[in-house]
Amino acid sequence: MNQRKRIIVVGTGIRAIGMWIKAMLEQYKEEVEIAGIYDINPARAQACNKILNTNIPVFQSFNEMISSANPDAMVIASPDATHAEYVVRGIEAGLEVFCEKPLCTTLEQIHTIRTVAQQSSMPVTVTHNARFLPCAVQMKKEILAGRIGTPKHVIFSEMLDRFHGADYFRRWHRLMKNSGGLLLQKASHHFDLINWMITSQPQFVSAQGGLFFYGKNGKFRGKRCSECSHANECFFFADVFQNPYLRTLYKEVEHIDGYLRDQCVFGEDIDIYDTANLAISYKNNVTASYSLIAYASYEGMSFSIEGTEGRLEWKAQHNTSWAVGREKEENQKANLEQSGAHIGEQLIFYDPKHQAKDLTPPPKEGSHGGADPSILQFVFAASPPPDLLHQKASLEDGIQAVLLGIAANKSIENKGHTVDVQKCELI
């Protein structure tokens, strides 16, 4: 048997454990071994072992791990603003790097990553798992087969509900300095999907948006849900620590790093946007409109591409019963995964004569609508499937998704003025 690939993991939150670490311990234990884990809060890394009943080596510093663990590859699942540092260190150490989206959060980080990557041949994969959703795969196949002719216009609408959407405003994501806002943290998925579907790069963007619902817009607020005097009257009250995993990973170790997992969604320090509308122009002359809200009455998305020979429409309504804030059945088991299961989904082709054809593929099992198990095959399998649709997002793919988010944020800050996406400069 071939020697197993040694992988280190940076960040040991719910995503790292439920997606990456569990997969390496269970489905891919013959192919890979976890050489070490590191979290900025060492007690959280120890909590990972406690939850999984394992004894994975825990390192007190990233420097120690990368120099002592003898790794071949690295998975990065730390907070977004820290990704760039670890990507650069991984490239410099000659490691194969797998980074959660977004790749990074600032233009300066992009410049640094590009400079370092030019001096290395080691691959960096940005784990844009949305490319592996069944409807995304089918949509891409239809476009490549010429079903809609030449793509001309894209409409994408993302609706985060008041359970899932609200949770971004409880966590570290609520500050621009940590996440770059939802146009990077969340929308990078969608920007990457658009770029991938139409095989082009964004050129110009004009955006409107702001913080219109959460943050300073609340009628009342506290420091955190678990200590709030408004618990009985607040729709957004959530006892997140009823979930034993969240309690172990966050509540029991918060005294070390001061991170509070249940901050008030109406905190006056919140500075990310909860509403955005973008008009985008692409290098291949495709135009696109994109909208996102984080306080919708239901969770779902709509993604349409109009071409010279027809239209593809992908619509989904998502189940957010896993999200904090919703009342749970007493016997419901806590889950490390965020399922994102679809409770209603369709992919329809419309021809110019108004004839419709249902192209909806069968659903897949697994978290994020079956996308996570599929991307794991490409990352960990000894013999990964052929990447015929170019689903593995490259370093440059990750950069392009981030560039659009950064440029859109800049446009919003400048009252909708058009921004050159590739330069992130006002026109």
Protein backbone atom coordinates (compact mmCIF):
# COMPACT_ATOMS: atom_id res chain seq x y z
CA MET A 1 0.00 0.00 0.00
CA ASN A 2 1.24 3.50 -0.82
CA GLN A 3 2.33 5.66 2.08
CA ARG A 4 -0.49 7.82 3.35
CA LYS A 5 -0.36 11.54 2.64
CA ARG A 6 0.34 13.55 5.79
CA ILE A 7 -2.03 16.51 6.17
CA ILE A 8 -2.11 19.32 8.71
CA VAL A 9 -5.24 21.34 9.47
CA VAL A 10 -5.39 25.00 10.43
CA GLY A 11 -8.54 25.99 12.31
CA THR A 12 -10.67 23.54 14.29
CA GLY A 13 -14.17 25.01 14.19
CA ILE A 14 -17.34 23.22 13.16
CA ARG A 15 -16.50 23.32 9.44
CA ALA A 16 -13.00 21.94 9.91
CA ILE A 17 -14.19 19.09 12.11
CA GLY A 18 -17.46 18.19 10.41
CA MET A 19 -16.17 18.43 6.85
CA TRP A 20 -12.42 17.84 6.75
CA ILE A 21 -11.21 16.07 9.87
CA LYS A 22 -14.06 13.56 10.10
CA ALA A 23 -13.63 12.66 6.44
CA MET A 24 -9.92 11.99 6.91
CA LEU A 25 -10.60 9.85 9.98
CA GLU A 26 -13.42 7.86 8.41
CA GLN A 27 -13.80 7.69 4.62
CA TYR A 28 -10.17 8.41 3.70
CA LYS A 29 -8.19 6.87 6.55
CA GLU A 30 -6.36 4.56 4.12
CA GLU A 31 -5.26 7.46 1.92
CA VAL A 32 -4.35 10.20 4.40
CA GLU A 33 -3.37 10.74 8.00
CA ILE A 34 -3.76 13.88 10.07
CA ALA A 35 -0.25 14.95 11.05
CA GLY A 36 -1.38 17.80 13.26
CA ILE A 37 -4.00 20.42 14.02
CA TYR A 38 -3.61 24.04 15.04
CA ASP A 39 -6.06 26.69 16.19
CA ILE A 40 -5.31 30.17 17.45
CA ASN A 41 -7.11 28.99 20.59
CA PRO A 42 -5.23 25.81 21.61
CA ALA A 43 -8.09 24.72 23.84
CA ARG A 44 -10.36 24.60 20.78
CA ALA A 45 -7.93 22.24 19.08
CA GLN A 46 -7.98 20.06 22.20
CA ALA A 47 -11.79 20.24 22.12
CA CYS A 48 -11.65 18.76 18.62
CA ASN A 49 -9.98 15.67 20.06
CA LYS A 50 -12.53 15.57 22.86
CA ILE A 51 -15.48 15.67 20.44
CA LEU A 52 -14.04 13.05 18.09
CA ASN A 53 -12.50 10.88 20.82
CA THR A 54 -9.13 11.07 19.08
CA ASN A 55 -5.56 11.94 19.95
CA ILE A 56 -4.52 14.01 16.95
CA PRO A 57 -1.30 15.95 17.66
CA VAL A 58 -2.14 19.50 18.76
CA PHE A 59 0.46 22.18 18.14
CA GLN A 60 0.73 25.37 20.16
CA SER A 61 1.89 27.42 17.19
CA PHE A 62 1.60 27.23 13.43
CA ASN A 63 5.37 27.55 13.06
CA GLU A 64 5.89 24.51 15.25
CA MET A 65 3.35 22.46 13.31
CA ILE A 66 4.65 23.26 9.86
CA SER A 67 8.27 22.58 10.89
CA SER A 68 7.70 19.49 13.06
CA ALA A 69 4.75 17.58 11.63
CA ASN A 70 6.49 16.66 8.36
CA PRO A 71 3.36 17.43 6.30
CA ASP A 72 2.72 16.87 2.62
CA ALA A 73 -0.39 19.04 2.42
CA MET A 74 -2.45 21.51 4.43
CA VAL A 75 -6.17 22.23 4.84
CA ILE A 76 -7.00 25.81 5.83
CA ALA A 77 -10.31 26.31 7.65
CA SER A 78 -9.49 29.27 9.89
CA PRO A 79 -11.30 32.65 9.87
CA ASP A 80 -11.29 34.24 6.42
CA ALA A 81 -8.91 37.14 7.05
CA THR A 82 -6.20 34.68 8.13
CA HIS A 83 -6.35 32.44 5.04
CA ALA A 84 -3.77 34.40 3.07
CA GLU A 85 -1.07 34.07 5.73
CA TYR A 86 -1.42 30.29 5.82
CA VAL A 87 -1.70 29.95 2.03
CA VAL A 88 1.57 31.84 1.63
CA ARG A 89 3.31 29.81 4.33
CA GLY A 90 2.07 26.58 2.78
CA ILE A 91 3.32 27.55 -0.68
CA GLU A 92 6.71 28.58 0.73
CA ALA A 93 6.98 25.25 2.58
CA GLY A 94 6.29 23.30 -0.61
CA LEU A 95 2.94 21.92 0.55
CA GLU A 96 -0.14 21.12 -1.46
CA VAL A 97 -2.71 23.62 -0.14
CA PHE A 98 -6.48 23.25 0.16
CA CYS A 99 -8.10 26.47 1.32
CA GLU A 100 -11.70 27.10 2.28
CA LYS A 101 -13.35 29.98 0.46
CA PRO A 102 -12.84 32.85 0.30
CA LEU A 103 -9.17 32.55 -0.56
CA CYS A 104 -8.45 35.87 1.15
CA THR A 105 -10.13 39.18 2.00
CA THR A 106 -8.00 42.10 0.75
CA LEU A 107 -6.35 43.30 -2.44
CA GLU A 108 -2.98 43.39 -0.66
CA GLN A 109 -3.36 39.71 0.22
CA ILE A 110 -4.11 38.89 -3.42
CA HIS A 111 -0.92 40.63 -4.55
CA THR A 112 1.15 38.75 -1.96
CA ILE A 113 -0.35 35.36 -2.82
CA ARG A 114 0.17 35.86 -6.55
CA THR A 115 3.79 36.92 -6.05
CA VAL A 116 4.62 33.91 -3.89
CA ALA A 117 2.69 31.45 -6.08
CA GLN A 118 4.64 32.53 -9.18
CA GLN A 119 7.77 31.14 -7.54
CA SER A 120 6.29 27.69 -6.82
CA SER A 121 4.85 24.78 -8.75
CA MET A 122 2.81 23.43 -5.83
CA PRO A 123 -0.94 23.48 -6.47
CA VAL A 124 -3.39 25.54 -4.42
CA THR A 125 -7.04 24.44 -4.52
CA VAL A 126 -9.78 26.72 -3.27
CA THR A 127 -12.56 24.46 -2.08
CA HIS A 128 -15.49 26.08 -3.88
CA ASN A 129 -17.80 23.16 -3.20
CA ALA A 130 -20.81 24.78 -4.93
CA ARG A 131 -19.33 23.59 -8.24
CA PHE A 132 -20.17 20.06 -7.07
CA LEU A 133 -23.88 20.59 -6.39
CA PRO A 134 -25.89 18.26 -8.66
CA CYS A 135 -27.75 21.11 -10.38
CA ALA A 136 -24.51 23.06 -10.85
CA VAL A 137 -22.89 20.05 -12.50
CA GLN A 138 -25.89 19.53 -14.78
CA MET A 139 -26.07 23.23 -15.64
CA LYS A 140 -22.40 23.30 -16.63
CA LYS A 141 -22.83 20.18 -18.76
CA GLU A 142 -25.79 21.72 -20.58
CA ILE A 143 -23.87 24.91 -21.32
CA LEU A 144 -20.85 22.98 -22.63
CA ALA A 145 -23.17 20.88 -24.80
CA GLY A 146 -24.55 24.05 -26.39
CA ARG A 147 -28.04 23.76 -24.93
CA ILE A 148 -28.47 27.56 -24.60
CA GLY A 149 -26.03 28.59 -27.32
CA THR A 150 -23.77 31.46 -26.29
CA PRO A 151 -24.43 32.79 -22.76
CA LYS A 152 -25.45 36.45 -22.76
CA HIS A 153 -27.00 37.41 -19.41
CA VAL A 154 -26.98 36.06 -15.85
CA ILE A 155 -29.38 36.71 -12.96
CA PHE A 156 -28.45 35.38 -9.51
CA SER A 157 -30.44 36.00 -6.34
CA GLU A 158 -29.42 34.66 -2.92
CA MET A 159 -31.85 34.76 0.02
CA LEU A 160 -30.49 33.92 3.47
CA ASP A 161 -33.27 33.50 6.02
CA ARG A 162 -33.56 34.83 9.56
CA PHE A 163 -32.02 31.69 11.06
CA HIS A 164 -29.05 30.95 8.81
CA GLY A 165 -28.59 34.55 7.66
CA ALA A 166 -28.82 35.95 11.17
CA ASP A 167 -26.07 33.64 12.39
CA TYR A 168 -23.44 35.48 10.35
CA PHE A 169 -24.19 38.48 12.54
CA ARG A 170 -23.61 36.54 15.78
CA ARG A 171 -20.20 35.26 14.80
CA TRP A 172 -16.81 36.69 13.86
CA HIS A 173 -18.11 37.24 10.32
CA ARG A 174 -19.96 40.36 11.55
CA LEU A 175 -16.84 42.52 11.18
CA MET A 176 -15.36 43.50 7.82
CA LYS A 177 -11.83 43.10 9.18
CA ASN A 178 -12.52 39.41 9.87
CA SER A 179 -14.50 38.33 6.81
CA GLY A 180 -14.65 41.07 4.21
CA GLY A 181 -18.43 40.91 4.56
CA LEU A 182 -20.97 38.60 2.97
CA LEU A 183 -19.90 39.63 -0.54
CA LEU A 184 -16.71 37.69 0.16
CA GLN A 185 -17.65 35.17 2.84
CA LYS A 186 -20.92 34.02 1.24
CA ALA A 187 -21.10 35.45 -2.26
CA SER A 188 -17.68 34.16 -3.30
CA HIS A 189 -19.51 30.84 -3.81
CA HIS A 190 -21.89 32.50 -6.23
CA PHE A 191 -19.34 34.67 -8.01
CA ASP A 192 -17.24 31.56 -8.60
CA LEU A 193 -20.27 29.72 -9.98
CA ILE A 194 -21.00 32.53 -12.43
CA ASN A 195 -17.35 32.81 -13.52
CA TRP A 196 -17.17 29.03 -13.98
CA MET A 197 -20.45 28.73 -15.87
CA ILE A 198 -19.69 31.44 -18.44
CA THR A 199 -15.92 30.79 -18.52
CA SER A 200 -14.91 34.40 -18.10
CA GLN A 201 -13.61 36.96 -15.63
CA PRO A 202 -15.52 39.99 -14.28
CA GLN A 203 -14.40 43.33 -15.69
CA PHE A 204 -16.60 46.05 -14.14
CA VAL A 205 -19.08 46.20 -11.26
CA SER A 206 -21.45 48.77 -9.85
CA ALA A 207 -23.07 47.96 -6.50
CA GLN A 208 -25.58 49.29 -4.01
CA GLY A 209 -26.08 47.98 -0.52
CA GLY A 210 -25.70 48.49 3.17
CA LEU A 211 -26.58 47.37 6.67
CA PHE A 212 -30.35 47.86 6.65
CA PHE A 213 -31.75 45.20 9.00
CA TYR A 214 -29.23 43.96 11.59
CA GLY A 215 -26.71 45.91 13.65
CA LYS A 216 -27.73 49.44 14.59
CA ASN A 217 -31.22 48.88 13.09
CA GLY A 218 -32.46 46.79 16.03
CA LYS A 219 -34.95 48.21 18.52
CA PHE A 220 -33.00 46.70 21.42
CA ARG A 221 -29.75 44.85 21.93
CA GLY A 222 -27.58 43.08 24.43
CA LYS A 223 -24.01 41.82 24.46
CA ARG A 224 -24.88 38.17 23.81
CA CYS A 225 -27.94 35.94 23.70
CA SER A 226 -27.01 33.85 26.71
CA GLU A 227 -27.03 36.92 28.96
CA CYS A 228 -29.72 39.02 27.28
CA SER A 229 -32.64 40.56 29.17
CA HIS A 230 -34.62 40.73 25.90
CA ALA A 231 -34.58 36.96 25.31
CA ASN A 232 -38.33 36.53 25.68
CA GLU A 233 -39.22 39.27 23.20
CA CYS A 234 -36.49 38.87 20.59
CA PHE A 235 -37.20 36.78 17.49
CA PHE A 236 -33.46 36.29 17.06
CA PHE A 237 -32.75 34.89 20.50
CA ALA A 238 -30.78 31.66 20.15
CA ASP A 239 -29.39 29.40 22.83
CA VAL A 240 -26.60 28.16 20.59
CA PHE A 241 -24.98 26.26 23.42
CA GLN A 242 -27.81 23.73 23.53
CA ASN A 243 -25.73 22.15 20.79
CA PRO A 244 -23.04 20.29 22.77
CA TYR A 245 -20.50 20.69 19.97
CA LEU A 246 -20.87 24.47 19.96
CA ARG A 247 -20.67 24.48 23.74
CA THR A 248 -17.46 22.45 23.74
CA LEU A 249 -15.78 24.31 20.88
CA TYR A 250 -16.72 27.83 21.91
CA LYS A 251 -18.39 28.38 25.29
CA GLU A 252 -15.96 26.23 27.27
CA VAL A 253 -12.88 27.87 25.75
CA GLU A 254 -14.02 31.48 25.32
CA HIS A 255 -12.08 32.59 28.42
CA ILE A 256 -8.85 32.01 26.49
CA ASP A 257 -9.38 34.11 23.37
CA GLY A 258 -12.47 36.14 24.33
CA TYR A 259 -14.45 35.02 21.28
CA LEU A 260 -18.20 34.97 21.97
CA ARG A 261 -20.15 32.62 19.67
CA ASP A 262 -23.58 34.09 20.54
CA GLN A 263 -23.15 37.84 20.07
CA CYS A 264 -26.20 40.04 19.53
CA VAL A 265 -27.28 40.37 15.89
CA PHE A 266 -28.08 44.02 16.64
CA GLY A 267 -24.63 44.83 18.01
CA GLU A 268 -23.58 48.37 17.17
CA ASP A 269 -20.10 47.18 16.19
CA ILE A 270 -21.44 45.22 13.19
CA ASP A 271 -20.19 46.76 9.95
CA ILE A 272 -20.82 44.13 7.25
CA TYR A 273 -23.69 44.57 4.80
CA ASP A 274 -26.91 42.56 4.97
CA THR A 275 -28.19 43.80 1.59
CA ALA A 276 -26.44 44.06 -1.79
CA ASN A 277 -27.31 44.50 -5.46
CA LEU A 278 -24.64 44.26 -8.17
CA ALA A 279 -24.49 44.97 -11.89
CA ILE A 280 -21.51 43.14 -13.42
CA SER A 281 -19.88 43.23 -16.85
CA TYR A 282 -17.63 40.38 -17.99
CA LYS A 283 -14.67 40.29 -20.34
CA ASN A 284 -16.65 38.16 -22.82
CA ASN A 285 -19.47 40.75 -22.88
CA VAL A 286 -21.82 38.74 -20.66
CA THR A 287 -23.72 40.96 -18.24
CA ALA A 288 -24.95 39.83 -14.84
CA SER A 289 -27.06 41.02 -11.96
CA TYR A 290 -26.59 39.68 -8.43
CA SER A 291 -28.55 40.31 -5.26
CA LEU A 292 -28.19 39.09 -1.68
CA ILE A 293 -30.18 39.66 1.48
CA ALA A 294 -29.55 38.06 4.88
CA TYR A 295 -33.01 38.50 6.43
CA ALA A 296 -35.31 36.72 3.95
CA SER A 297 -38.57 35.08 4.99
CA TYR A 298 -37.33 31.83 3.47
CA GLU A 299 -33.93 30.54 2.39
CA GLY A 300 -33.26 29.91 -1.26
CA MET A 301 -31.60 30.97 -4.46
CA SER A 302 -32.35 31.56 -8.13
CA PHE A 303 -29.70 31.32 -10.85
CA SER A 304 -30.61 31.92 -14.50
CA ILE A 305 -28.47 32.10 -17.61
CA GLU A 306 -29.97 33.39 -20.86
CA GLY A 307 -28.24 32.41 -24.07
CA THR A 308 -28.73 32.82 -27.80
CA GLU A 309 -30.65 29.53 -27.97
CA GLY A 310 -32.50 29.40 -24.66
CA ARG A 311 -32.46 29.80 -20.93
CA LEU A 312 -31.43 27.67 -17.95
CA GLU A 313 -33.10 28.39 -14.60
CA TRP A 314 -31.96 26.79 -11.36
CA LYS A 315 -34.12 27.49 -8.35
CA ALA A 316 -33.88 26.05 -4.86
CA GLN A 317 -35.46 26.47 -1.46
CA HIS A 318 -33.16 25.39 1.36
CA ASN A 319 -33.85 23.66 4.63
CA THR A 320 -32.27 25.57 7.54
CA SER A 321 -33.57 23.39 10.35
CA TRP A 322 -29.93 22.86 11.37
CA ALA A 323 -29.40 26.57 12.00
CA VAL A 324 -29.37 28.00 15.50
CA GLY A 325 -32.41 29.94 16.60
CA ARG A 326 -35.02 27.46 15.48
CA GLU A 327 -36.80 25.41 18.12
CA LYS A 328 -35.62 21.81 18.10
CA GLU A 329 -37.35 18.54 18.80
CA GLU A 330 -36.21 17.15 22.12
CA ASN A 331 -34.92 13.97 20.52
CA GLN A 332 -33.17 15.70 17.62
CA LYS A 333 -29.47 14.90 17.62
CA ALA A 334 -26.92 17.67 17.42
CA ASN A 335 -24.98 17.60 14.18
CA LEU A 336 -21.49 18.77 13.28
CA GLU A 337 -22.53 19.27 9.67
CA GLN A 338 -24.45 22.08 8.05
CA SER A 339 -26.60 20.10 5.67
CA GLY A 340 -27.98 22.83 3.42
CA ALA A 341 -30.46 20.21 2.23
CA HIS A 342 -32.80 21.31 -0.54
CA ILE A 343 -36.50 21.04 0.18
CA GLY A 344 -37.38 22.13 -3.32
CA GLU A 345 -35.08 22.35 -6.32
CA GLN A 346 -35.42 22.48 -10.10
CA LEU A 347 -33.27 23.02 -13.17
CA ILE A 348 -35.41 23.96 -16.16
CA PHE A 349 -34.49 24.70 -19.78
CA TYR A 350 -36.70 27.12 -21.69
CA ASP A 351 -36.41 27.52 -25.45
CA PRO A 352 -37.36 30.76 -27.29
CA LYS A 353 -40.76 29.23 -28.15
CA HIS A 354 -41.58 28.97 -24.42
CA GLN A 355 -41.19 25.20 -24.38
CA ALA A 356 -39.83 23.91 -21.07
CA LYS A 357 -37.79 20.82 -20.28
CA ASP A 358 -37.06 19.62 -16.74
CA LEU A 359 -33.35 18.83 -16.41
CA THR A 360 -33.28 18.46 -12.62
CA PRO A 361 -30.75 15.74 -11.68
CA PRO A 362 -31.40 13.28 -8.85
CA PRO A 363 -30.30 14.54 -5.41
CA LYS A 364 -27.14 13.34 -3.68
CA GLU A 365 -26.59 12.39 -0.09
CA GLY A 366 -24.28 14.35 2.17
CA SER A 367 -23.71 17.84 3.53
CA HIS A 368 -24.29 20.91 1.41
CA GLY A 369 -26.63 19.07 -0.91
CA GLY A 370 -24.13 16.31 -1.64
CA ALA A 371 -21.44 18.76 -2.76
CA ASP A 372 -19.06 18.10 0.14
CA PRO A 373 -18.66 14.33 -0.42
CA SER A 374 -18.00 15.00 -4.11
CA ILE A 375 -15.26 17.56 -3.58
CA LEU A 376 -13.64 15.35 -0.93
CA GLN A 377 -13.02 12.74 -3.61
CA PHE A 378 -10.90 15.22 -5.54
CA VAL A 379 -9.00 16.25 -2.43
CA PHE A 380 -8.33 12.96 -0.63
CA ALA A 381 -8.94 9.99 -2.92
CA ALA A 382 -5.79 8.14 -4.00
CA SER A 383 -7.23 8.00 -7.53
CA PRO A 384 -9.52 11.03 -7.87
CA PRO A 385 -12.08 11.08 -10.69
CA PRO A 386 -11.14 12.90 -13.90
CA ASP A 387 -11.90 16.61 -13.63
CA LEU A 388 -13.68 16.86 -16.96
CA LEU A 389 -15.69 19.95 -15.98
CA HIS A 390 -12.78 21.75 -14.26
CA GLN A 391 -14.60 21.64 -10.94
CA LYS A 392 -11.43 21.95 -8.86
CA ALA A 393 -11.13 25.69 -8.37
CA SER A 394 -7.58 26.89 -8.94
CA LEU A 395 -5.73 29.64 -7.12
CA GLU A 396 -6.68 32.12 -9.85
CA ASP A 397 -10.32 30.99 -9.71
CA GLY A 398 -10.30 31.77 -6.00
CA ILE A 399 -8.72 35.15 -6.66
CA GLN A 400 -11.35 36.08 -9.25
CA ALA A 401 -14.21 35.32 -6.84
CA VAL A 402 -12.56 37.48 -4.17
CA LEU A 403 -11.74 40.33 -6.56
CA LEU A 404 -15.40 40.73 -7.46
CA GLY A 405 -16.41 40.87 -3.79
CA ILE A 406 -13.71 43.41 -2.93
CA ALA A 407 -14.63 45.56 -5.93
CA ALA A 408 -18.35 45.41 -5.07
CA ASN A 409 -17.64 46.48 -1.49
CA LYS A 410 -15.62 49.41 -2.85
CA SER A 411 -18.48 50.40 -5.14
CA ILE A 412 -20.95 50.36 -2.25
CA GLU A 413 -18.58 52.49 -0.19
CA ASN A 414 -18.50 54.98 -3.09
CA LYS A 415 -22.27 55.23 -3.65
CA GLY A 416 -22.44 52.82 -6.56
CA HIS A 417 -19.62 54.19 -8.68
CA THR A 418 -18.32 51.69 -11.20
CA VAL A 419 -15.17 49.81 -10.23
CA ASP A 420 -12.63 48.06 -12.47
CA VAL A 421 -12.72 44.59 -10.90
CA GLN A 422 -9.25 43.45 -11.92
CA LYS A 423 -7.60 46.62 -10.56
CA CYS A 424 -10.18 47.33 -7.82
CA GLU A 425 -10.04 50.97 -8.84
CA LEU A 426 -12.87 53.47 -9.37
CA ILE A 427 -13.46 54.33 -13.01
